[in-house]
Amino acid sequence: MVEQANIDVSVVVPTHRRNELLHRCLEALVTQDLSPDRYEILVADDGASSDTRSFVQSWQSRAAVRIHYVPVKLRGGPARARNAGWRRARGRIIAFTDDDCIPERSWLREAIAALDS
């Protein structure tokens, strides 16, 4: 198990049955120019579905970065999903992005630099 101190950033991505959009977002997140051992991704599935769980599991098996599936059983919107995600996070910094966003490759590295300065 990875210690919290080893993870700089936890990225929380709320989603609700939008795997095509989530695919683009995860593609951008797993190719960040930050070492994969310095961050984790938590996909918070609002109104948890087996399709989204399977989709995230397929990413877990092929990505170098840790990706966690966080089921949110009762649908409550992105705010509830974000809250469920950050509660499971282990990073010293929590970053939020939505499933329809495509973060720049340098997003996490630049965020760490800005917060550490």
PDB file of N, CA and C in Angstrom:
ATOM      1  N   MET A   1       0.836  -1.176   0.000  1.00  0.00           N
ATOM      2  CA  MET A   1       0.000   0.000   0.000  1.00  0.00           C
ATOM      3  C   MET A   1       0.884   1.245   0.000  1.00  0.00           C
ATOM      4  N   VAL A   2       0.464   2.274  -0.737  1.00  0.00           N
ATOM      5  CA  VAL A   2       1.224   3.507  -0.872  1.00  0.00           C
ATOM      6  C   VAL A   2       0.879   4.449   0.277  1.00  0.00           C
ATOM      7  N   GLU A   3       1.894   5.042   0.882  1.00  0.00           N
ATOM      8  CA  GLU A   3       1.685   6.004   1.965  1.00  0.00           C
ATOM      9  C   GLU A   3       1.161   7.315   1.392  1.00  0.00           C
ATOM     10  N   GLN A   4       0.366   8.027   2.167  1.00  0.00           N
ATOM     11  CA  GLN A   4      -0.183   9.301   1.737  1.00  0.00           C
ATOM     12  C   GLN A   4       0.912  10.281   1.361  1.00  0.00           C
ATOM     13  N   ALA A   5       1.997  10.317   2.115  1.00  0.00           N
ATOM     14  CA  ALA A   5       3.067  11.272   1.869  1.00  0.00           C
ATOM     15  C   ALA A   5       3.702  11.076   0.490  1.00  0.00           C
ATOM     16  N   ASN A   6       3.592   9.904  -0.087  1.00  0.00           N
ATOM     17  CA  ASN A   6       4.175   9.635  -1.392  1.00  0.00           C
ATOM     18  C   ASN A   6       3.337  10.186  -2.538  1.00  0.00           C
ATOM     19  N   ILE A   7       2.110  10.520  -2.286  1.00  0.00           N
ATOM     20  CA  ILE A   7       1.219  10.999  -3.343  1.00  0.00           C
ATOM     21  C   ILE A   7       1.056  12.506  -3.185  1.00  0.00           C
ATOM     22  N   ASP A   8       1.481  13.241  -4.210  1.00  0.00           N
ATOM     23  CA  ASP A   8       1.355  14.691  -4.169  1.00  0.00           C
ATOM     24  C   ASP A   8      -0.072  15.144  -4.458  1.00  0.00           C
ATOM     25  N   VAL A   9      -0.698  14.533  -5.455  1.00  0.00           N
ATOM     26  CA  VAL A   9      -2.006  15.008  -5.908  1.00  0.00           C
ATOM     27  C   VAL A   9      -2.984  13.857  -6.079  1.00  0.00           C
ATOM     28  N   SER A  10      -4.203  14.080  -5.590  1.00  0.00           N
ATOM     29  CA  SER A  10      -5.330  13.188  -5.866  1.00  0.00           C
ATOM     30  C   SER A  10      -6.272  13.956  -6.790  1.00  0.00           C
ATOM     31  N   VAL A  11      -6.533  13.400  -7.952  1.00  0.00           N
ATOM     32  CA  VAL A  11      -7.436  14.028  -8.915  1.00  0.00           C
ATOM     33  C   VAL A  11      -8.788  13.339  -8.812  1.00  0.00           C
ATOM     34  N   VAL A  12      -9.813  14.114  -8.488  1.00  0.00           N
ATOM     35  CA  VAL A  12     -11.164  13.582  -8.360  1.00  0.00           C
ATOM     36  C   VAL A  12     -11.963  13.968  -9.609  1.00  0.00           C
ATOM     37  N   VAL A  13     -12.557  12.958 -10.234  1.00  0.00           N
ATOM     38  CA  VAL A  13     -13.351  13.155 -11.445  1.00  0.00           C
ATOM     39  C   VAL A  13     -14.752  12.615 -11.205  1.00  0.00           C
ATOM     40  N   PRO A  14     -15.752  13.491 -11.001  1.00  0.00           N
ATOM     41  CA  PRO A  14     -17.120  12.998 -10.886  1.00  0.00           C
ATOM     42  C   PRO A  14     -17.648  12.638 -12.278  1.00  0.00           C
ATOM     43  N   THR A  15     -18.459  11.591 -12.331  1.00  0.00           N
ATOM     44  CA  THR A  15     -19.026  11.188 -13.619  1.00  0.00           C
ATOM     45  C   THR A  15     -20.393  10.563 -13.397  1.00  0.00           C
ATOM     46  N   HIS A  16     -21.173  10.551 -14.458  1.00  0.00           N
ATOM     47  CA  HIS A  16     -22.473   9.866 -14.429  1.00  0.00           C
ATOM     48  C   HIS A  16     -22.791   9.373 -15.833  1.00  0.00           C
ATOM     49  N   ARG A  17     -22.406   8.130 -16.105  1.00  0.00           N
ATOM     50  CA  ARG A  17     -22.763   7.438 -17.342  1.00  0.00           C
ATOM     51  C   ARG A  17     -22.376   8.210 -18.604  1.00  0.00           C
ATOM     52  N   ARG A  18     -21.151   8.701 -18.604  1.00  0.00           N
ATOM     53  CA  ARG A  18     -20.644   9.435 -19.770  1.00  0.00           C
ATOM     54  C   ARG A  18     -19.252   8.898 -20.113  1.00  0.00           C
ATOM     55  N   ASN A  19     -19.200   7.607 -20.418  1.00  0.00           N
ATOM     56  CA  ASN A  19     -17.917   6.948 -20.623  1.00  0.00           C
ATOM     57  C   ASN A  19     -17.120   7.515 -21.800  1.00  0.00           C
ATOM     58  N   GLU A  20     -17.793   7.994 -22.843  1.00  0.00           N
ATOM     59  CA  GLU A  20     -17.059   8.583 -23.965  1.00  0.00           C
ATOM     60  C   GLU A  20     -16.309   9.828 -23.521  1.00  0.00           C
ATOM     61  N   LEU A  21     -16.978  10.674 -22.759  1.00  0.00           N
ATOM     62  CA  LEU A  21     -16.313  11.870 -22.248  1.00  0.00           C
ATOM     63  C   LEU A  21     -15.250  11.499 -21.214  1.00  0.00           C
ATOM     64  N   LEU A  22     -15.575  10.569 -20.342  1.00  0.00           N
ATOM     65  CA  LEU A  22     -14.625  10.128 -19.321  1.00  0.00           C
ATOM     66  C   LEU A  22     -13.365   9.557 -19.963  1.00  0.00           C
ATOM     67  N   HIS A  23     -13.514   8.869 -21.069  1.00  0.00           N
ATOM     68  CA  HIS A  23     -12.367   8.316 -21.794  1.00  0.00           C
ATOM     69  C   HIS A  23     -11.384   9.426 -22.169  1.00  0.00           C
ATOM     70  N   ARG A  24     -11.889  10.507 -22.746  1.00  0.00           N
ATOM     71  CA  ARG A  24     -11.021  11.624 -23.150  1.00  0.00           C
ATOM     72  C   ARG A  24     -10.330  12.242 -21.939  1.00  0.00           C
ATOM     73  N   CYS A  25     -11.069  12.390 -20.853  1.00  0.00           N
ATOM     74  CA  CYS A  25     -10.510  12.972 -19.635  1.00  0.00           C
ATOM     75  C   CYS A  25      -9.408  12.076 -19.067  1.00  0.00           C
ATOM     76  N   LEU A  26      -9.682  10.792 -18.942  1.00  0.00           N
ATOM     77  CA  LEU A  26      -8.685   9.863 -18.404  1.00  0.00           C
ATOM     78  C   LEU A  26      -7.451   9.783 -19.297  1.00  0.00           C
ATOM     79  N   GLU A  27      -7.665   9.832 -20.592  1.00  0.00           N
ATOM     80  CA  GLU A  27      -6.547   9.824 -21.533  1.00  0.00           C
ATOM     81  C   GLU A  27      -5.598  10.991 -21.256  1.00  0.00           C
ATOM     82  N   ALA A  28      -6.172  12.156 -20.984  1.00  0.00           N
ATOM     83  CA  ALA A  28      -5.352  13.334 -20.669  1.00  0.00           C
ATOM     84  C   ALA A  28      -4.707  13.204 -19.292  1.00  0.00           C
ATOM     85  N   LEU A  29      -5.409  12.627 -18.343  1.00  0.00           N
ATOM     86  CA  LEU A  29      -4.870  12.515 -16.988  1.00  0.00           C
ATOM     87  C   LEU A  29      -3.748  11.492 -16.879  1.00  0.00           C
ATOM     88  N   VAL A  30      -3.848  10.388 -17.574  1.00  0.00           N
ATOM     89  CA  VAL A  30      -2.802   9.360 -17.465  1.00  0.00           C
ATOM     90  C   VAL A  30      -1.543   9.742 -18.235  1.00  0.00           C
ATOM     91  N   THR A  31      -1.594  10.786 -19.049  1.00  0.00           N
ATOM     92  CA  THR A  31      -0.426  11.228 -19.810  1.00  0.00           C
ATOM     93  C   THR A  31       0.112  12.562 -19.296  1.00  0.00           C
ATOM     94  N   GLN A  32      -0.174  12.882 -18.046  1.00  0.00           N
ATOM     95  CA  GLN A  32       0.379  14.095 -17.441  1.00  0.00           C
ATOM     96  C   GLN A  32       1.905  13.998 -17.416  1.00  0.00           C
ATOM     97  N   ASP A  33       2.576  15.153 -17.464  1.00  0.00           N
ATOM     98  CA  ASP A  33       4.041  15.139 -17.437  1.00  0.00           C
ATOM     99  C   ASP A  33       4.575  15.125 -16.000  1.00  0.00           C
ATOM    100  N   LEU A  34       3.859  14.426 -15.159  1.00  0.00           N
ATOM    101  CA  LEU A  34       4.223  14.209 -13.760  1.00  0.00           C
ATOM    102  C   LEU A  34       4.385  12.701 -13.584  1.00  0.00           C
ATOM    103  N   SER A  35       5.355  12.301 -12.821  1.00  0.00           N
ATOM    104  CA  SER A  35       5.590  10.874 -12.615  1.00  0.00           C
ATOM    105  C   SER A  35       4.320  10.204 -12.083  1.00  0.00           C
ATOM    106  N   PRO A  36       3.925   9.066 -12.649  1.00  0.00           N
ATOM    107  CA  PRO A  36       2.688   8.398 -12.238  1.00  0.00           C
ATOM    108  C   PRO A  36       2.635   7.996 -10.769  1.00  0.00           C
ATOM    109  N   ASP A  37       3.783   7.880 -10.124  1.00  0.00           N
ATOM    110  CA  ASP A  37       3.776   7.519  -8.705  1.00  0.00           C
ATOM    111  C   ASP A  37       3.505   8.721  -7.801  1.00  0.00           C
ATOM    112  N   ARG A  38       3.398   9.927  -8.379  1.00  0.00           N
ATOM    113  CA  ARG A  38       3.167  11.133  -7.590  1.00  0.00           C
ATOM    114  C   ARG A  38       1.696  11.544  -7.531  1.00  0.00           C
ATOM    115  N   TYR A  39       0.832  10.843  -8.282  1.00  0.00           N
ATOM    116  CA  TYR A  39      -0.582  11.208  -8.255  1.00  0.00           C
ATOM    117  C   TYR A  39      -1.469   9.986  -8.425  1.00  0.00           C
ATOM    118  N   GLU A  40      -2.719  10.178  -8.085  1.00  0.00           N
ATOM    119  CA  GLU A  40      -3.735   9.140  -8.250  1.00  0.00           C
ATOM    120  C   GLU A  40      -4.974   9.796  -8.848  1.00  0.00           C
ATOM    121  N   ILE A  41      -5.814   8.981  -9.459  1.00  0.00           N
ATOM    122  CA  ILE A  41      -7.073   9.447 -10.044  1.00  0.00           C
ATOM    123  C   ILE A  41      -8.197   8.690  -9.361  1.00  0.00           C
ATOM    124  N   LEU A  42      -9.206   9.425  -8.902  1.00  0.00           N
ATOM    125  CA  LEU A  42     -10.381   8.810  -8.293  1.00  0.00           C
ATOM    126  C   LEU A  42     -11.597   9.165  -9.144  1.00  0.00           C
ATOM    127  N   VAL A  43     -12.207   8.168  -9.747  1.00  0.00           N
ATOM    128  CA  VAL A  43     -13.406   8.376 -10.545  1.00  0.00           C
ATOM    129  C   VAL A  43     -14.598   8.109  -9.640  1.00  0.00           C
ATOM    130  N   ALA A  44     -15.335   9.179  -9.341  1.00  0.00           N
ATOM    131  CA  ALA A  44     -16.496   9.087  -8.446  1.00  0.00           C
ATOM    132  C   ALA A  44     -17.755   8.954  -9.298  1.00  0.00           C
ATOM    133  N   ASP A  45     -18.338   7.774  -9.274  1.00  0.00           N
ATOM    134  CA  ASP A  45     -19.458   7.413 -10.139  1.00  0.00           C
ATOM    135  C   ASP A  45     -20.786   7.731  -9.465  1.00  0.00           C
ATOM    136  N   ASP A  46     -21.365   8.863  -9.834  1.00  0.00           N
ATOM    137  CA  ASP A  46     -22.631   9.333  -9.278  1.00  0.00           C
ATOM    138  C   ASP A  46     -23.763   8.416  -9.743  1.00  0.00           C
ATOM    139  N   GLY A  47     -24.441   7.768  -8.794  1.00  0.00           N
ATOM    140  CA  GLY A  47     -25.477   6.790  -9.155  1.00  0.00           C
ATOM    141  C   GLY A  47     -24.820   5.557  -9.747  1.00  0.00           C
ATOM    142  N   ALA A  48     -23.885   5.009  -9.031  1.00  0.00           N
ATOM    143  CA  ALA A  48     -22.990   3.949  -9.486  1.00  0.00           C
ATOM    144  C   ALA A  48     -23.629   2.975 -10.469  1.00  0.00           C
ATOM    145  N   SER A  49     -22.901   2.723 -11.566  1.00  0.00           N
ATOM    146  CA  SER A  49     -23.390   1.782 -12.573  1.00  0.00           C
ATOM    147  C   SER A  49     -22.319   0.744 -12.877  1.00  0.00           C
ATOM    148  N   SER A  50     -22.749  -0.443 -13.222  1.00  0.00           N
ATOM    149  CA  SER A  50     -21.802  -1.519 -13.540  1.00  0.00           C
ATOM    150  C   SER A  50     -21.022  -1.191 -14.816  1.00  0.00           C
ATOM    151  N   ASP A  51     -21.632  -0.476 -15.752  1.00  0.00           N
ATOM    152  CA  ASP A  51     -20.929  -0.096 -16.976  1.00  0.00           C
ATOM    153  C   ASP A  51     -19.751   0.822 -16.673  1.00  0.00           C
ATOM    154  N   THR A  52     -19.982   1.801 -15.817  1.00  0.00           N
ATOM    155  CA  THR A  52     -18.894   2.712 -15.469  1.00  0.00           C
ATOM    156  C   THR A  52     -17.824   1.984 -14.666  1.00  0.00           C
ATOM    157  N   ARG A  53     -18.228   1.132 -13.761  1.00  0.00           N
ATOM    158  CA  ARG A  53     -17.254   0.346 -12.990  1.00  0.00           C
ATOM    159  C   ARG A  53     -16.371  -0.465 -13.937  1.00  0.00           C
ATOM    160  N   SER A  54     -16.949  -1.157 -14.877  1.00  0.00           N
ATOM    161  CA  SER A  54     -16.183  -1.963 -15.842  1.00  0.00           C
ATOM    162  C   SER A  54     -15.260  -1.080 -16.679  1.00  0.00           C
ATOM    163  N   PHE A  55     -15.771   0.065 -17.074  1.00  0.00           N
ATOM    164  CA  PHE A  55     -14.981   1.000 -17.872  1.00  0.00           C
ATOM    165  C   PHE A  55     -13.740   1.448 -17.094  1.00  0.00           C
ATOM    166  N   VAL A  56     -13.927   1.833 -15.837  1.00  0.00           N
ATOM    167  CA  VAL A  56     -12.799   2.274 -15.012  1.00  0.00           C
ATOM    168  C   VAL A  56     -11.837   1.114 -14.762  1.00  0.00           C
ATOM    169  N   GLN A  57     -12.351  -0.072 -14.533  1.00  0.00           N
ATOM    170  CA  GLN A  57     -11.489  -1.233 -14.329  1.00  0.00           C
ATOM    171  C   GLN A  57     -10.611  -1.504 -15.551  1.00  0.00           C
ATOM    172  N   SER A  58     -11.127  -1.255 -16.742  1.00  0.00           N
ATOM    173  CA  SER A  58     -10.317  -1.449 -17.949  1.00  0.00           C
ATOM    174  C   SER A  58      -9.154  -0.447 -17.974  1.00  0.00           C
ATOM    175  N   TRP A  59      -9.365   0.743 -17.473  1.00  0.00           N
ATOM    176  CA  TRP A  59      -8.293   1.737 -17.369  1.00  0.00           C
ATOM    177  C   TRP A  59      -7.299   1.354 -16.280  1.00  0.00           C
ATOM    178  N   GLN A  60      -7.788   0.807 -15.182  1.00  0.00           N
ATOM    179  CA  GLN A  60      -6.902   0.421 -14.077  1.00  0.00           C
ATOM    180  C   GLN A  60      -5.867  -0.593 -14.542  1.00  0.00           C
ATOM    181  N   SER A  61      -6.257  -1.471 -15.412  1.00  0.00           N
ATOM    182  CA  SER A  61      -5.370  -2.550 -15.835  1.00  0.00           C
ATOM    183  C   SER A  61      -4.307  -2.103 -16.838  1.00  0.00           C
ATOM    184  N   ARG A  62      -4.466  -0.921 -17.428  1.00  0.00           N
ATOM    185  CA  ARG A  62      -3.502  -0.511 -18.447  1.00  0.00           C
ATOM    186  C   ARG A  62      -2.781   0.799 -18.166  1.00  0.00           C
ATOM    187  N   ALA A  63      -3.134   1.494 -17.105  1.00  0.00           N
ATOM    188  CA  ALA A  63      -2.508   2.784 -16.805  1.00  0.00           C
ATOM    189  C   ALA A  63      -1.392   2.624 -15.778  1.00  0.00           C
ATOM    190  N   ALA A  64      -0.357   3.431 -15.917  1.00  0.00           N
ATOM    191  CA  ALA A  64       0.751   3.410 -14.947  1.00  0.00           C
ATOM    192  C   ALA A  64       0.352   4.111 -13.651  1.00  0.00           C
ATOM    193  N   VAL A  65      -0.530   5.077 -13.745  1.00  0.00           N
ATOM    194  CA  VAL A  65      -0.996   5.809 -12.565  1.00  0.00           C
ATOM    195  C   VAL A  65      -2.108   5.007 -11.884  1.00  0.00           C
ATOM    196  N   ARG A  66      -2.221   5.156 -10.559  1.00  0.00           N
ATOM    197  CA  ARG A  66      -3.286   4.466  -9.828  1.00  0.00           C
ATOM    198  C   ARG A  66      -4.633   5.141 -10.132  1.00  0.00           C
ATOM    199  N   ILE A  67      -5.596   4.333 -10.533  1.00  0.00           N
ATOM    200  CA  ILE A  67      -6.950   4.818 -10.792  1.00  0.00           C
ATOM    201  C   ILE A  67      -7.885   4.045  -9.870  1.00  0.00           C
ATOM    202  N   HIS A  68      -8.694   4.776  -9.118  1.00  0.00           N
ATOM    203  CA  HIS A  68      -9.621   4.154  -8.174  1.00  0.00           C
ATOM    204  C   HIS A  68     -11.059   4.434  -8.604  1.00  0.00           C
ATOM    205  N   TYR A  69     -11.887   3.440  -8.472  1.00  0.00           N
ATOM    206  CA  TYR A  69     -13.319   3.589  -8.727  1.00  0.00           C
ATOM    207  C   TYR A  69     -14.009   3.840  -7.390  1.00  0.00           C
ATOM    208  N   VAL A  70     -14.759   4.937  -7.316  1.00  0.00           N
ATOM    209  CA  VAL A  70     -15.479   5.292  -6.094  1.00  0.00           C
ATOM    210  C   VAL A  70     -16.973   5.296  -6.413  1.00  0.00           C
ATOM    211  N   PRO A  71     -17.697   4.246  -6.023  1.00  0.00           N
ATOM    212  CA  PRO A  71     -19.137   4.215  -6.297  1.00  0.00           C
ATOM    213  C   PRO A  71     -19.895   5.147  -5.355  1.00  0.00           C
ATOM    214  N   VAL A  72     -20.798   5.921  -5.914  1.00  0.00           N
ATOM    215  CA  VAL A  72     -21.686   6.778  -5.127  1.00  0.00           C
ATOM    216  C   VAL A  72     -23.088   6.241  -5.403  1.00  0.00           C
ATOM    217  N   LYS A  73     -23.580   5.441  -4.470  1.00  0.00           N
ATOM    218  CA  LYS A  73     -24.806   4.673  -4.709  1.00  0.00           C
ATOM    219  C   LYS A  73     -26.030   5.540  -5.008  1.00  0.00           C
ATOM    220  N   LEU A  74     -26.281   6.537  -4.178  1.00  0.00           N
ATOM    221  CA  LEU A  74     -27.440   7.399  -4.408  1.00  0.00           C
ATOM    222  C   LEU A  74     -27.026   8.581  -5.268  1.00  0.00           C
ATOM    223  N   ARG A  75     -27.730   8.788  -6.358  1.00  0.00           N
ATOM    224  CA  ARG A  75     -27.393   9.889  -7.256  1.00  0.00           C
ATOM    225  C   ARG A  75     -27.638  11.215  -6.550  1.00  0.00           C
ATOM    226  N   GLY A  76     -26.631  12.080  -6.548  1.00  0.00           N
ATOM    227  CA  GLY A  76     -26.752  13.361  -5.877  1.00  0.00           C
ATOM    228  C   GLY A  76     -26.096  14.495  -6.638  1.00  0.00           C
ATOM    229  N   GLY A  77     -25.660  14.230  -7.857  1.00  0.00           N
ATOM    230  CA  GLY A  77     -25.014  15.257  -8.652  1.00  0.00           C
ATOM    231  C   GLY A  77     -23.509  15.290  -8.445  1.00  0.00           C
ATOM    232  N   PRO A  78     -22.838  16.140  -9.223  1.00  0.00           N
ATOM    233  CA  PRO A  78     -21.380  16.183  -9.171  1.00  0.00           C
ATOM    234  C   PRO A  78     -20.812  16.589  -7.818  1.00  0.00           C
ATOM    235  N   ALA A  79     -21.510  17.433  -7.069  1.00  0.00           N
ATOM    236  CA  ALA A  79     -20.989  17.855  -5.762  1.00  0.00           C
ATOM    237  C   ALA A  79     -20.894  16.661  -4.809  1.00  0.00           C
ATOM    238  N   ARG A  80     -21.919  15.845  -4.755  1.00  0.00           N
ATOM    239  CA  ARG A  80     -21.881  14.653  -3.888  1.00  0.00           C
ATOM    240  C   ARG A  80     -20.772  13.702  -4.343  1.00  0.00           C
ATOM    241  N   ALA A  81     -20.629  13.532  -5.648  1.00  0.00           N
ATOM    242  CA  ALA A  81     -19.586  12.653  -6.165  1.00  0.00           C
ATOM    243  C   ALA A  81     -18.196  13.204  -5.832  1.00  0.00           C
ATOM    244  N   ARG A  82     -18.002  14.510  -5.980  1.00  0.00           N
ATOM    245  CA  ARG A  82     -16.710  15.112  -5.615  1.00  0.00           C
ATOM    246  C   ARG A  82     -16.395  14.857  -4.141  1.00  0.00           C
ATOM    247  N   ASN A  83     -17.391  15.050  -3.291  1.00  0.00           N
ATOM    248  CA  ASN A  83     -17.187  14.827  -1.851  1.00  0.00           C
ATOM    249  C   ASN A  83     -16.804  13.381  -1.568  1.00  0.00           C
ATOM    250  N   ALA A  84     -17.462  12.438  -2.213  1.00  0.00           N
ATOM    251  CA  ALA A  84     -17.118  11.023  -2.016  1.00  0.00           C
ATOM    252  C   ALA A  84     -15.690  10.757  -2.486  1.00  0.00           C
ATOM    253  N   GLY A  85     -15.299  11.385  -3.576  1.00  0.00           N
ATOM    254  CA  GLY A  85     -13.955  11.192  -4.109  1.00  0.00           C
ATOM    255  C   GLY A  85     -12.870  11.743  -3.205  1.00  0.00           C
ATOM    256  N   TRP A  86     -13.018  12.985  -2.763  1.00  0.00           N
ATOM    257  CA  TRP A  86     -11.940  13.558  -1.928  1.00  0.00           C
ATOM    258  C   TRP A  86     -11.834  12.862  -0.584  1.00  0.00           C
ATOM    259  N   ARG A  87     -12.931  12.297  -0.117  1.00  0.00           N
ATOM    260  CA  ARG A  87     -12.856  11.566   1.162  1.00  0.00           C
ATOM    261  C   ARG A  87     -11.996  10.308   1.049  1.00  0.00           C
ATOM    262  N   ARG A  88     -11.879   9.763  -0.137  1.00  0.00           N
ATOM    263  CA  ARG A  88     -11.036   8.573  -0.364  1.00  0.00           C
ATOM    264  C   ARG A  88      -9.624   8.935  -0.799  1.00  0.00           C
ATOM    265  N   ALA A  89      -9.377  10.205  -1.067  1.00  0.00           N
ATOM    266  CA  ALA A  89      -8.094  10.661  -1.602  1.00  0.00           C
ATOM    267  C   ALA A  89      -6.974  10.520  -0.585  1.00  0.00           C
ATOM    268  N   ARG A  90      -5.755  10.298  -1.085  1.00  0.00           N
ATOM    269  CA  ARG A  90      -4.584  10.150  -0.229  1.00  0.00           C
ATOM    270  C   ARG A  90      -3.518  11.208  -0.500  1.00  0.00           C
ATOM    271  N   GLY A  91      -3.731  12.069  -1.460  1.00  0.00           N
ATOM    272  CA  GLY A  91      -2.737  13.074  -1.801  1.00  0.00           C
ATOM    273  C   GLY A  91      -2.772  14.261  -0.857  1.00  0.00           C
ATOM    274  N   ARG A  92      -1.667  14.997  -0.826  1.00  0.00           N
ATOM    275  CA  ARG A  92      -1.617  16.199   0.007  1.00  0.00           C
ATOM    276  C   ARG A  92      -2.347  17.352  -0.663  1.00  0.00           C
ATOM    277  N   ILE A  93      -2.572  17.256  -1.972  1.00  0.00           N
ATOM    278  CA  ILE A  93      -3.335  18.242  -2.740  1.00  0.00           C
ATOM    279  C   ILE A  93      -4.497  17.500  -3.395  1.00  0.00           C
ATOM    280  N   ILE A  94      -5.676  18.117  -3.364  1.00  0.00           N
ATOM    281  CA  ILE A  94      -6.841  17.548  -4.052  1.00  0.00           C
ATOM    282  C   ILE A  94      -7.132  18.427  -5.259  1.00  0.00           C
ATOM    283  N   ALA A  95      -7.198  17.822  -6.429  1.00  0.00           N
ATOM    284  CA  ALA A  95      -7.524  18.537  -7.665  1.00  0.00           C
ATOM    285  C   ALA A  95      -8.833  17.977  -8.202  1.00  0.00           C
ATOM    286  N   PHE A  96      -9.672  18.858  -8.676  1.00  0.00           N
ATOM    287  CA  PHE A  96     -10.953  18.443  -9.239  1.00  0.00           C
ATOM    288  C   PHE A  96     -10.988  18.796 -10.720  1.00  0.00           C
ATOM    289  N   THR A  97     -11.508  17.879 -11.510  1.00  0.00           N
ATOM    290  CA  THR A  97     -11.820  18.168 -12.900  1.00  0.00           C
ATOM    291  C   THR A  97     -13.075  17.379 -13.230  1.00  0.00           C
ATOM    292  N   ASP A  98     -13.775  17.788 -14.255  1.00  0.00           N
ATOM    293  CA  ASP A  98     -15.004  17.099 -14.643  1.00  0.00           C
ATOM    294  C   ASP A  98     -14.733  16.140 -15.788  1.00  0.00           C
ATOM    295  N   ASP A  99     -15.630  15.173 -15.977  1.00  0.00           N
ATOM    296  CA  ASP A  99     -15.427  14.154 -17.007  1.00  0.00           C
ATOM    297  C   ASP A  99     -15.446  14.714 -18.425  1.00  0.00           C
ATOM    298  N   ASP A 100     -15.981  15.919 -18.602  1.00  0.00           N
ATOM    299  CA  ASP A 100     -16.009  16.512 -19.937  1.00  0.00           C
ATOM    300  C   ASP A 100     -14.843  17.476 -20.174  1.00  0.00           C
ATOM    301  N   CYS A 101     -13.866  17.486 -19.273  1.00  0.00           N
ATOM    302  CA  CYS A 101     -12.682  18.342 -19.400  1.00  0.00           C
ATOM    303  C   CYS A 101     -11.499  17.522 -19.906  1.00  0.00           C
ATOM    304  N   ILE A 102     -10.595  18.210 -20.590  1.00  0.00           N
ATOM    305  CA  ILE A 102      -9.371  17.578 -21.067  1.00  0.00           C
ATOM    306  C   ILE A 102      -8.213  18.413 -20.525  1.00  0.00           C
ATOM    307  N   PRO A 103      -7.691  18.045 -19.352  1.00  0.00           N
ATOM    308  CA  PRO A 103      -6.610  18.822 -18.743  1.00  0.00           C
ATOM    309  C   PRO A 103      -5.342  18.835 -19.609  1.00  0.00           C
ATOM    310  N   GLU A 104      -4.684  19.986 -19.622  1.00  0.00           N
ATOM    311  CA  GLU A 104      -3.404  20.112 -20.315  1.00  0.00           C
ATOM    312  C   GLU A 104      -2.394  19.141 -19.708  1.00  0.00           C
ATOM    313  N   ARG A 105      -1.435  18.730 -20.511  1.00  0.00           N
ATOM    314  CA  ARG A 105      -0.429  17.753 -20.075  1.00  0.00           C
ATOM    315  C   ARG A 105       0.362  18.234 -18.858  1.00  0.00           C
ATOM    316  N   SER A 106       0.538  19.522 -18.697  1.00  0.00           N
ATOM    317  CA  SER A 106       1.331  20.079 -17.599  1.00  0.00           C
ATOM    318  C   SER A 106       0.476  20.529 -16.409  1.00  0.00           C
ATOM    319  N   TRP A 107      -0.815  20.255 -16.434  1.00  0.00           N
ATOM    320  CA  TRP A 107      -1.753  20.755 -15.425  1.00  0.00           C
ATOM    321  C   TRP A 107      -1.311  20.433 -13.993  1.00  0.00           C
ATOM    322  N   LEU A 108      -1.036  19.185 -13.707  1.00  0.00           N
ATOM    323  CA  LEU A 108      -0.690  18.796 -12.337  1.00  0.00           C
ATOM    324  C   LEU A 108       0.674  19.322 -11.914  1.00  0.00           C
ATOM    325  N   ARG A 109       1.649  19.229 -12.786  1.00  0.00           N
ATOM    326  CA  ARG A 109       2.995  19.719 -12.449  1.00  0.00           C
ATOM    327  C   ARG A 109       2.951  21.223 -12.145  1.00  0.00           C
ATOM    328  N   GLU A 110       2.243  21.980 -12.964  1.00  0.00           N
ATOM    329  CA  GLU A 110       2.152  23.417 -12.757  1.00  0.00           C
ATOM    330  C   GLU A 110       1.350  23.760 -11.499  1.00  0.00           C
ATOM    331  N   ALA A 111       0.343  22.979 -11.207  1.00  0.00           N
ATOM    332  CA  ALA A 111      -0.444  23.203  -9.986  1.00  0.00           C
ATOM    333  C   ALA A 111       0.415  22.983  -8.741  1.00  0.00           C
ATOM    334  N   ILE A 112       1.203  21.918  -8.738  1.00  0.00           N
ATOM    335  CA  ILE A 112       2.085  21.642  -7.611  1.00  0.00           C
ATOM    336  C   ILE A 112       3.074  22.798  -7.438  1.00  0.00           C
ATOM    337  N   ALA A 113       3.667  23.234  -8.535  1.00  0.00           N
ATOM    338  CA  ALA A 113       4.651  24.313  -8.480  1.00  0.00           C
ATOM    339  C   ALA A 113       4.025  25.591  -7.926  1.00  0.00           C
ATOM    340  N   ALA A 114       2.821  25.905  -8.383  1.00  0.00           N
ATOM    341  CA  ALA A 114       2.145  27.127  -7.923  1.00  0.00           C
ATOM    342  C   ALA A 114       1.814  27.034  -6.440  1.00  0.00           C
ATOM    343  N   LEU A 115       1.343  25.893  -6.001  1.00  0.00           N
ATOM    344  CA  LEU A 115       0.961  25.739  -4.588  1.00  0.00           C
ATOM    345  C   LEU A 115       2.181  25.642  -3.668  1.00  0.00           C
ATOM    346  N   ASP A 116       3.274  25.124  -4.177  1.00  0.00           N
ATOM    347  CA  ASP A 116       4.475  25.002  -3.361  1.00  0.00           C
ATOM    348  C   ASP A 116       5.281  26.307  -3.276  1.00  0.00           C
ATOM    349  N   SER A 117       5.017  27.250  -4.177  1.00  0.00           N
ATOM    350  CA  SER A 117       5.810  28.496  -4.175  1.00  0.00           C
ATOM    351  C   SER A 117       5.325  29.498  -3.158  1.00  0.00           C
TER     352      SER A 117
END
